[in-house]
Amino acid sequence: MNADRFIVNLLNEVLHLQGRGLGFTRDTPLLHHVPELDSMAVVSLLGAIEERLGVVIDDSEISGDLFESVGSLADFVATKYSF
């Protein structure tokens, strides 16, 4: 599994997309484009990343740019965990 696939699967699960998220690509926009990705979902998603990968995400690392696309989120996760 690579970071892209990890994020696609996690988005599908955490956002309860019922398979719709499995077609996401690196270029799929997230913030303001996926209605299920609200502020509570962001918190849940970050918590799931920390829990599943055993990493810590500092508040200072979180910005809107992080959730611009699947690719931007996957690239960030790849800096925290070696796939």
PDB file of N, CA and C in Angstrom:
ATOM      1  N   MET A   1       0.855  -1.181   0.000  1.00  0.00           N
ATOM      2  CA  MET A   1       0.000   0.000   0.000  1.00  0.00           C
ATOM      3  C   MET A   1       0.893   1.233   0.000  1.00  0.00           C
ATOM      4  N   ASN A   2       0.478   2.247  -0.741  1.00  0.00           N
ATOM      5  CA  ASN A   2       1.204   3.510  -0.720  1.00  0.00           C
ATOM      6  C   ASN A   2       0.337   4.583  -0.059  1.00  0.00           C
ATOM      7  N   ALA A   3       0.899   5.776   0.090  1.00  0.00           N
ATOM      8  CA  ALA A   3       0.192   6.853   0.783  1.00  0.00           C
ATOM      9  C   ALA A   3      -1.105   7.232   0.072  1.00  0.00           C
ATOM     10  N   ASP A   4      -1.082   7.261  -1.256  1.00  0.00           N
ATOM     11  CA  ASP A   4      -2.296   7.616  -2.005  1.00  0.00           C
ATOM     12  C   ASP A   4      -3.429   6.635  -1.713  1.00  0.00           C
ATOM     13  N   ARG A   5      -3.128   5.355  -1.804  1.00  0.00           N
ATOM     14  CA  ARG A   5      -4.148   4.328  -1.584  1.00  0.00           C
ATOM     15  C   ARG A   5      -4.627   4.361  -0.136  1.00  0.00           C
ATOM     16  N   PHE A   6      -3.702   4.566   0.806  1.00  0.00           N
ATOM     17  CA  PHE A   6      -4.070   4.659   2.216  1.00  0.00           C
ATOM     18  C   PHE A   6      -5.081   5.786   2.419  1.00  0.00           C
ATOM     19  N   ILE A   7      -4.798   6.962   1.860  1.00  0.00           N
ATOM     20  CA  ILE A   7      -5.684   8.118   2.037  1.00  0.00           C
ATOM     21  C   ILE A   7      -7.030   7.888   1.358  1.00  0.00           C
ATOM     22  N   VAL A   8      -7.030   7.345   0.156  1.00  0.00           N
ATOM     23  CA  VAL A   8      -8.296   7.071  -0.544  1.00  0.00           C
ATOM     24  C   VAL A   8      -9.163   6.130   0.289  1.00  0.00           C
ATOM     25  N   ASN A   9      -8.578   5.058   0.781  1.00  0.00           N
ATOM     26  CA  ASN A   9      -9.336   4.103   1.599  1.00  0.00           C
ATOM     27  C   ASN A   9      -9.822   4.739   2.893  1.00  0.00           C
ATOM     28  N   LEU A  10      -8.962   5.537   3.524  1.00  0.00           N
ATOM     29  CA  LEU A  10      -9.332   6.174   4.785  1.00  0.00           C
ATOM     30  C   LEU A  10     -10.443   7.204   4.585  1.00  0.00           C
ATOM     31  N   LEU A  11     -10.342   8.006   3.539  1.00  0.00           N
ATOM     32  CA  LEU A  11     -11.403   8.974   3.241  1.00  0.00           C
ATOM     33  C   LEU A  11     -12.731   8.263   3.029  1.00  0.00           C
ATOM     34  N   ASN A  12     -12.704   7.199   2.260  1.00  0.00           N
ATOM     35  CA  ASN A  12     -13.924   6.444   1.992  1.00  0.00           C
ATOM     36  C   ASN A  12     -14.547   5.931   3.286  1.00  0.00           C
ATOM     37  N   GLU A  13     -13.702   5.431   4.178  1.00  0.00           N
ATOM     38  CA  GLU A  13     -14.198   4.876   5.441  1.00  0.00           C
ATOM     39  C   GLU A  13     -14.648   5.955   6.423  1.00  0.00           C
ATOM     40  N   VAL A  14     -13.776   6.909   6.712  1.00  0.00           N
ATOM     41  CA  VAL A  14     -14.059   7.918   7.741  1.00  0.00           C
ATOM     42  C   VAL A  14     -15.217   8.831   7.332  1.00  0.00           C
ATOM     43  N   LEU A  15     -15.292   9.158   6.051  1.00  0.00           N
ATOM     44  CA  LEU A  15     -16.361  10.045   5.580  1.00  0.00           C
ATOM     45  C   LEU A  15     -17.633   9.293   5.207  1.00  0.00           C
ATOM     46  N   HIS A  16     -17.618   7.969   5.376  1.00  0.00           N
ATOM     47  CA  HIS A  16     -18.792   7.133   5.071  1.00  0.00           C
ATOM     48  C   HIS A  16     -19.277   7.359   3.638  1.00  0.00           C
ATOM     49  N   LEU A  17     -18.340   7.276   2.694  1.00  0.00           N
ATOM     50  CA  LEU A  17     -18.656   7.535   1.291  1.00  0.00           C
ATOM     51  C   LEU A  17     -19.212   6.315   0.565  1.00  0.00           C
ATOM     52  N   GLN A  18     -19.279   5.199   1.239  1.00  0.00           N
ATOM     53  CA  GLN A  18     -19.899   3.972   0.707  1.00  0.00           C
ATOM     54  C   GLN A  18     -19.366   3.599  -0.677  1.00  0.00           C
ATOM     55  N   GLY A  19     -18.051   3.649  -0.814  1.00  0.00           N
ATOM     56  CA  GLY A  19     -17.413   3.257  -2.063  1.00  0.00           C
ATOM     57  C   GLY A  19     -17.177   4.391  -3.039  1.00  0.00           C
ATOM     58  N   ARG A  20     -17.884   5.501  -2.860  1.00  0.00           N
ATOM     59  CA  ARG A  20     -17.730   6.636  -3.767  1.00  0.00           C
ATOM     60  C   ARG A  20     -16.310   7.185  -3.747  1.00  0.00           C
ATOM     61  N   GLY A  21     -15.666   7.118  -2.597  1.00  0.00           N
ATOM     62  CA  GLY A  21     -14.317   7.654  -2.464  1.00  0.00           C
ATOM     63  C   GLY A  21     -13.244   6.788  -3.083  1.00  0.00           C
ATOM     64  N   LEU A  22     -13.566   5.541  -3.379  1.00  0.00           N
ATOM     65  CA  LEU A  22     -12.557   4.632  -3.919  1.00  0.00           C
ATOM     66  C   LEU A  22     -12.105   5.026  -5.319  1.00  0.00           C
ATOM     67  N   GLY A  23     -12.867   5.871  -5.981  1.00  0.00           N
ATOM     68  CA  GLY A  23     -12.493   6.363  -7.302  1.00  0.00           C
ATOM     69  C   GLY A  23     -11.676   7.642  -7.264  1.00  0.00           C
ATOM     70  N   PHE A  24     -11.412   8.157  -6.068  1.00  0.00           N
ATOM     71  CA  PHE A  24     -10.620   9.376  -5.946  1.00  0.00           C
ATOM     72  C   PHE A  24      -9.207   9.140  -6.468  1.00  0.00           C
ATOM     73  N   THR A  25      -8.627  10.177  -7.072  1.00  0.00           N
ATOM     74  CA  THR A  25      -7.239  10.142  -7.529  1.00  0.00           C
ATOM     75  C   THR A  25      -6.461  11.229  -6.793  1.00  0.00           C
ATOM     76  N   ARG A  26      -5.169  11.307  -7.041  1.00  0.00           N
ATOM     77  CA  ARG A  26      -4.344  12.350  -6.415  1.00  0.00           C
ATOM     78  C   ARG A  26      -4.898  13.744  -6.705  1.00  0.00           C
ATOM     79  N   ASP A  27      -5.508  13.918  -7.858  1.00  0.00           N
ATOM     80  CA  ASP A  27      -5.995  15.234  -8.272  1.00  0.00           C
ATOM     81  C   ASP A  27      -7.394  15.564  -7.763  1.00  0.00           C
ATOM     82  N   THR A  28      -8.040  14.634  -7.100  1.00  0.00           N
ATOM     83  CA  THR A  28      -9.392  14.881  -6.606  1.00  0.00           C
ATOM     84  C   THR A  28      -9.355  15.969  -5.539  1.00  0.00           C
ATOM     85  N   PRO A  29     -10.067  17.085  -5.766  1.00  0.00           N
ATOM     86  CA  PRO A  29     -10.112  18.143  -4.754  1.00  0.00           C
ATOM     87  C   PRO A  29     -10.941  17.695  -3.549  1.00  0.00           C
ATOM     88  N   LEU A  30     -10.532  18.127  -2.372  1.00  0.00           N
ATOM     89  CA  LEU A  30     -11.235  17.714  -1.158  1.00  0.00           C
ATOM     90  C   LEU A  30     -11.985  18.869  -0.509  1.00  0.00           C
ATOM     91  N   LEU A  31     -11.266  19.770   0.126  1.00  0.00           N
ATOM     92  CA  LEU A  31     -11.893  20.853   0.883  1.00  0.00           C
ATOM     93  C   LEU A  31     -12.786  21.689  -0.031  1.00  0.00           C
ATOM     94  N   HIS A  32     -14.016  21.887   0.370  1.00  0.00           N
ATOM     95  CA  HIS A  32     -15.043  22.638  -0.365  1.00  0.00           C
ATOM     96  C   HIS A  32     -15.576  21.892  -1.590  1.00  0.00           C
ATOM     97  N   HIS A  33     -15.134  20.651  -1.803  1.00  0.00           N
ATOM     98  CA  HIS A  33     -15.611  19.862  -2.944  1.00  0.00           C
ATOM     99  C   HIS A  33     -16.254  18.550  -2.508  1.00  0.00           C
ATOM    100  N   VAL A  34     -15.863  18.061  -1.362  1.00  0.00           N
ATOM    101  CA  VAL A  34     -16.455  16.835  -0.814  1.00  0.00           C
ATOM    102  C   VAL A  34     -17.286  17.278   0.394  1.00  0.00           C
ATOM    103  N   PRO A  35     -18.612  17.331   0.251  1.00  0.00           N
ATOM    104  CA  PRO A  35     -19.467  17.875   1.308  1.00  0.00           C
ATOM    105  C   PRO A  35     -19.291  17.198   2.667  1.00  0.00           C
ATOM    106  N   GLU A  36     -18.944  15.933   2.652  1.00  0.00           N
ATOM    107  CA  GLU A  36     -18.792  15.193   3.910  1.00  0.00           C
ATOM    108  C   GLU A  36     -17.556  15.629   4.693  1.00  0.00           C
ATOM    109  N   LEU A  37     -16.629  16.325   4.049  1.00  0.00           N
ATOM    110  CA  LEU A  37     -15.388  16.747   4.708  1.00  0.00           C
ATOM    111  C   LEU A  37     -15.604  18.093   5.389  1.00  0.00           C
ATOM    112  N   ASP A  38     -16.293  18.044   6.527  1.00  0.00           N
ATOM    113  CA  ASP A  38     -16.505  19.244   7.328  1.00  0.00           C
ATOM    114  C   ASP A  38     -15.483  19.265   8.465  1.00  0.00           C
ATOM    115  N   SER A  39     -15.586  20.235   9.354  1.00  0.00           N
ATOM    116  CA  SER A  39     -14.580  20.382  10.413  1.00  0.00           C
ATOM    117  C   SER A  39     -14.517  19.171  11.334  1.00  0.00           C
ATOM    118  N   MET A  40     -15.641  18.572  11.634  1.00  0.00           N
ATOM    119  CA  MET A  40     -15.633  17.377  12.487  1.00  0.00           C
ATOM    120  C   MET A  40     -14.998  16.196  11.762  1.00  0.00           C
ATOM    121  N   ALA A  41     -15.238  16.090  10.470  1.00  0.00           N
ATOM    122  CA  ALA A  41     -14.639  15.010   9.686  1.00  0.00           C
ATOM    123  C   ALA A  41     -13.129  15.182   9.594  1.00  0.00           C
ATOM    124  N   VAL A  42     -12.664  16.426   9.512  1.00  0.00           N
ATOM    125  CA  VAL A  42     -11.217  16.682   9.491  1.00  0.00           C
ATOM    126  C   VAL A  42     -10.584  16.162  10.773  1.00  0.00           C
ATOM    127  N   VAL A  43     -11.206  16.452  11.907  1.00  0.00           N
ATOM    128  CA  VAL A  43     -10.698  15.974  13.200  1.00  0.00           C
ATOM    129  C   VAL A  43     -10.689  14.446  13.227  1.00  0.00           C
ATOM    130  N   SER A  44     -11.765  13.834  12.769  1.00  0.00           N
ATOM    131  CA  SER A  44     -11.839  12.367  12.737  1.00  0.00           C
ATOM    132  C   SER A  44     -10.780  11.777  11.810  1.00  0.00           C
ATOM    133  N   LEU A  45     -10.591  12.400  10.676  1.00  0.00           N
ATOM    134  CA  LEU A  45      -9.610  11.919   9.703  1.00  0.00           C
ATOM    135  C   LEU A  45      -8.191  12.008  10.263  1.00  0.00           C
ATOM    136  N   LEU A  46      -7.862  13.129  10.874  1.00  0.00           N
ATOM    137  CA  LEU A  46      -6.530  13.285  11.465  1.00  0.00           C
ATOM    138  C   LEU A  46      -6.314  12.281  12.590  1.00  0.00           C
ATOM    139  N   GLY A  47      -7.334  12.070  13.407  1.00  0.00           N
ATOM    140  CA  GLY A  47      -7.242  11.081  14.482  1.00  0.00           C
ATOM    141  C   GLY A  47      -7.032   9.677  13.942  1.00  0.00           C
ATOM    142  N   ALA A  48      -7.714   9.356  12.856  1.00  0.00           N
ATOM    143  CA  ALA A  48      -7.564   8.031  12.249  1.00  0.00           C
ATOM    144  C   ALA A  48      -6.166   7.846  11.671  1.00  0.00           C
ATOM    145  N   ILE A  49      -5.620   8.898  11.062  1.00  0.00           N
ATOM    146  CA  ILE A  49      -4.252   8.822  10.540  1.00  0.00           C
ATOM    147  C   ILE A  49      -3.279   8.552  11.681  1.00  0.00           C
ATOM    148  N   GLU A  50      -3.415   9.313  12.764  1.00  0.00           N
ATOM    149  CA  GLU A  50      -2.526   9.126  13.914  1.00  0.00           C
ATOM    150  C   GLU A  50      -2.637   7.714  14.480  1.00  0.00           C
ATOM    151  N   GLU A  51      -3.854   7.257  14.646  1.00  0.00           N
ATOM    152  CA  GLU A  51      -4.091   5.941  15.246  1.00  0.00           C
ATOM    153  C   GLU A  51      -3.582   4.807  14.360  1.00  0.00           C
ATOM    154  N   ARG A  52      -3.911   4.856  13.100  1.00  0.00           N
ATOM    155  CA  ARG A  52      -3.554   3.745  12.200  1.00  0.00           C
ATOM    156  C   ARG A  52      -2.065   3.677  11.901  1.00  0.00           C
ATOM    157  N   LEU A  53      -1.421   4.844  11.822  1.00  0.00           N
ATOM    158  CA  LEU A  53      -0.006   4.855  11.459  1.00  0.00           C
ATOM    159  C   LEU A  53       0.919   5.016  12.664  1.00  0.00           C
ATOM    160  N   GLY A  54       0.335   5.296  13.830  1.00  0.00           N
ATOM    161  CA  GLY A  54       1.161   5.473  15.020  1.00  0.00           C
ATOM    162  C   GLY A  54       2.026   6.720  14.950  1.00  0.00           C
ATOM    163  N   VAL A  55       1.480   7.775  14.355  1.00  0.00           N
ATOM    164  CA  VAL A  55       2.211   9.032  14.216  1.00  0.00           C
ATOM    165  C   VAL A  55       1.513  10.115  15.033  1.00  0.00           C
ATOM    166  N   VAL A  56       2.206  11.226  15.203  1.00  0.00           N
ATOM    167  CA  VAL A  56       1.631  12.382  15.887  1.00  0.00           C
ATOM    168  C   VAL A  56       1.597  13.536  14.893  1.00  0.00           C
ATOM    169  N   ILE A  57       0.447  14.168  14.791  1.00  0.00           N
ATOM    170  CA  ILE A  57       0.293  15.334  13.924  1.00  0.00           C
ATOM    171  C   ILE A  57       0.126  16.547  14.825  1.00  0.00           C
ATOM    172  N   ASP A  58       1.076  17.454  14.754  1.00  0.00           N
ATOM    173  CA  ASP A  58       1.053  18.661  15.572  1.00  0.00           C
ATOM    174  C   ASP A  58       0.074  19.668  14.972  1.00  0.00           C
ATOM    175  N   ASP A  59      -0.581  20.422  15.829  1.00  0.00           N
ATOM    176  CA  ASP A  59      -1.539  21.427  15.361  1.00  0.00           C
ATOM    177  C   ASP A  59      -0.910  22.395  14.361  1.00  0.00           C
ATOM    178  N   SER A  60       0.375  22.692  14.542  1.00  0.00           N
ATOM    179  CA  SER A  60       1.050  23.646  13.654  1.00  0.00           C
ATOM    180  C   SER A  60       1.213  23.100  12.234  1.00  0.00           C
ATOM    181  N   GLU A  61       1.032  21.801  12.051  1.00  0.00           N
ATOM    182  CA  GLU A  61       1.166  21.181  10.732  1.00  0.00           C
ATOM    183  C   GLU A  61      -0.139  21.207   9.935  1.00  0.00           C
ATOM    184  N   ILE A  62      -1.217  21.599  10.578  1.00  0.00           N
ATOM    185  CA  ILE A  62      -2.541  21.520   9.962  1.00  0.00           C
ATOM    186  C   ILE A  62      -2.913  22.865   9.335  1.00  0.00           C
ATOM    187  N   SER A  63      -3.281  22.815   8.064  1.00  0.00           N
ATOM    188  CA  SER A  63      -3.766  24.011   7.369  1.00  0.00           C
ATOM    189  C   SER A  63      -4.741  23.569   6.282  1.00  0.00           C
ATOM    190  N   GLY A  64      -5.424  24.511   5.718  1.00  0.00           N
ATOM    191  CA  GLY A  64      -6.354  24.203   4.638  1.00  0.00           C
ATOM    192  C   GLY A  64      -5.654  23.603   3.430  1.00  0.00           C
ATOM    193  N   ASP A  65      -4.405  24.012   3.198  1.00  0.00           N
ATOM    194  CA  ASP A  65      -3.641  23.486   2.060  1.00  0.00           C
ATOM    195  C   ASP A  65      -3.481  21.977   2.144  1.00  0.00           C
ATOM    196  N   LEU A  66      -3.411  21.471   3.362  1.00  0.00           N
ATOM    197  CA  LEU A  66      -3.251  20.034   3.581  1.00  0.00           C
ATOM    198  C   LEU A  66      -4.409  19.253   2.960  1.00  0.00           C
ATOM    199  N   PHE A  67      -5.591  19.838   2.976  1.00  0.00           N
ATOM    200  CA  PHE A  67      -6.803  19.173   2.495  1.00  0.00           C
ATOM    201  C   PHE A  67      -7.250  19.676   1.122  1.00  0.00           C
ATOM    202  N   GLU A  68      -6.326  20.269   0.385  1.00  0.00           N
ATOM    203  CA  GLU A  68      -6.642  20.771  -0.950  1.00  0.00           C
ATOM    204  C   GLU A  68      -7.022  19.639  -1.897  1.00  0.00           C
ATOM    205  N   SER A  69      -6.289  18.533  -1.809  1.00  0.00           N
ATOM    206  CA  SER A  69      -6.549  17.397  -2.699  1.00  0.00           C
ATOM    207  C   SER A  69      -6.124  16.103  -2.022  1.00  0.00           C
ATOM    208  N   VAL A  70      -6.490  14.996  -2.628  1.00  0.00           N
ATOM    209  CA  VAL A  70      -6.034  13.695  -2.134  1.00  0.00           C
ATOM    210  C   VAL A  70      -4.510  13.671  -2.141  1.00  0.00           C
ATOM    211  N   GLY A  71      -3.907  14.187  -3.200  1.00  0.00           N
ATOM    212  CA  GLY A  71      -2.454  14.185  -3.323  1.00  0.00           C
ATOM    213  C   GLY A  71      -1.759  14.994  -2.251  1.00  0.00           C
ATOM    214  N   SER A  72      -2.296  16.163  -1.920  1.00  0.00           N
ATOM    215  CA  SER A  72      -1.658  16.987  -0.888  1.00  0.00           C
ATOM    216  C   SER A  72      -1.728  16.301   0.469  1.00  0.00           C
ATOM    217  N   LEU A  73      -2.827  15.640   0.753  1.00  0.00           N
ATOM    218  CA  LEU A  73      -2.958  14.919   2.018  1.00  0.00           C
ATOM    219  C   LEU A  73      -2.058  13.686   2.027  1.00  0.00           C
ATOM    220  N   ALA A  74      -2.000  12.978   0.916  1.00  0.00           N
ATOM    221  CA  ALA A  74      -1.134  11.795   0.820  1.00  0.00           C
ATOM    222  C   ALA A  74       0.336  12.183   0.939  1.00  0.00           C
ATOM    223  N   ASP A  75       0.722  13.285   0.316  1.00  0.00           N
ATOM    224  CA  ASP A  75       2.114  13.740   0.409  1.00  0.00           C
ATOM    225  C   ASP A  75       2.476  14.073   1.848  1.00  0.00           C
ATOM    226  N   PHE A  76       1.550  14.706   2.565  1.00  0.00           N
ATOM    227  CA  PHE A  76       1.794  15.012   3.974  1.00  0.00           C
ATOM    228  C   PHE A  76       1.959  13.731   4.778  1.00  0.00           C
ATOM    229  N   VAL A  77       1.065  12.785   4.585  1.00  0.00           N
ATOM    230  CA  VAL A  77       1.130  11.518   5.324  1.00  0.00           C
ATOM    231  C   VAL A  77       2.444  10.799   5.029  1.00  0.00           C
ATOM    232  N   ALA A  78       2.910  10.893   3.798  1.00  0.00           N
ATOM    233  CA  ALA A  78       4.170  10.237   3.420  1.00  0.00           C
ATOM    234  C   ALA A  78       5.372  10.848   4.145  1.00  0.00           C
ATOM    235  N   THR A  79       5.237  12.090   4.617  1.00  0.00           N
ATOM    236  CA  THR A  79       6.328  12.689   5.399  1.00  0.00           C
ATOM    237  C   THR A  79       6.321  12.189   6.837  1.00  0.00           C
ATOM    238  N   LYS A  80       5.198  11.632   7.260  1.00  0.00           N
ATOM    239  CA  LYS A  80       5.052  11.159   8.638  1.00  0.00           C
ATOM    240  C   LYS A  80       5.291   9.660   8.775  1.00  0.00           C
ATOM    241  N   TYR A  81       5.126   8.922   7.673  1.00  0.00           N
ATOM    242  CA  TYR A  81       5.169   7.461   7.734  1.00  0.00           C
ATOM    243  C   TYR A  81       5.767   6.924   6.442  1.00  0.00           C
ATOM    244  N   SER A  82       6.633   5.954   6.572  1.00  0.00           N
ATOM    245  CA  SER A  82       7.261   5.349   5.399  1.00  0.00           C
ATOM    246  C   SER A  82       6.440   4.147   4.934  1.00  0.00           C
ATOM    247  N   PHE A  83       5.870   4.243   3.752  1.00  0.00           N
ATOM    248  CA  PHE A  83       5.028   3.170   3.222  1.00  0.00           C
ATOM    249  C   PHE A  83       5.852   2.143   2.493  1.00  0.00           C
TER     250      PHE A  83
END
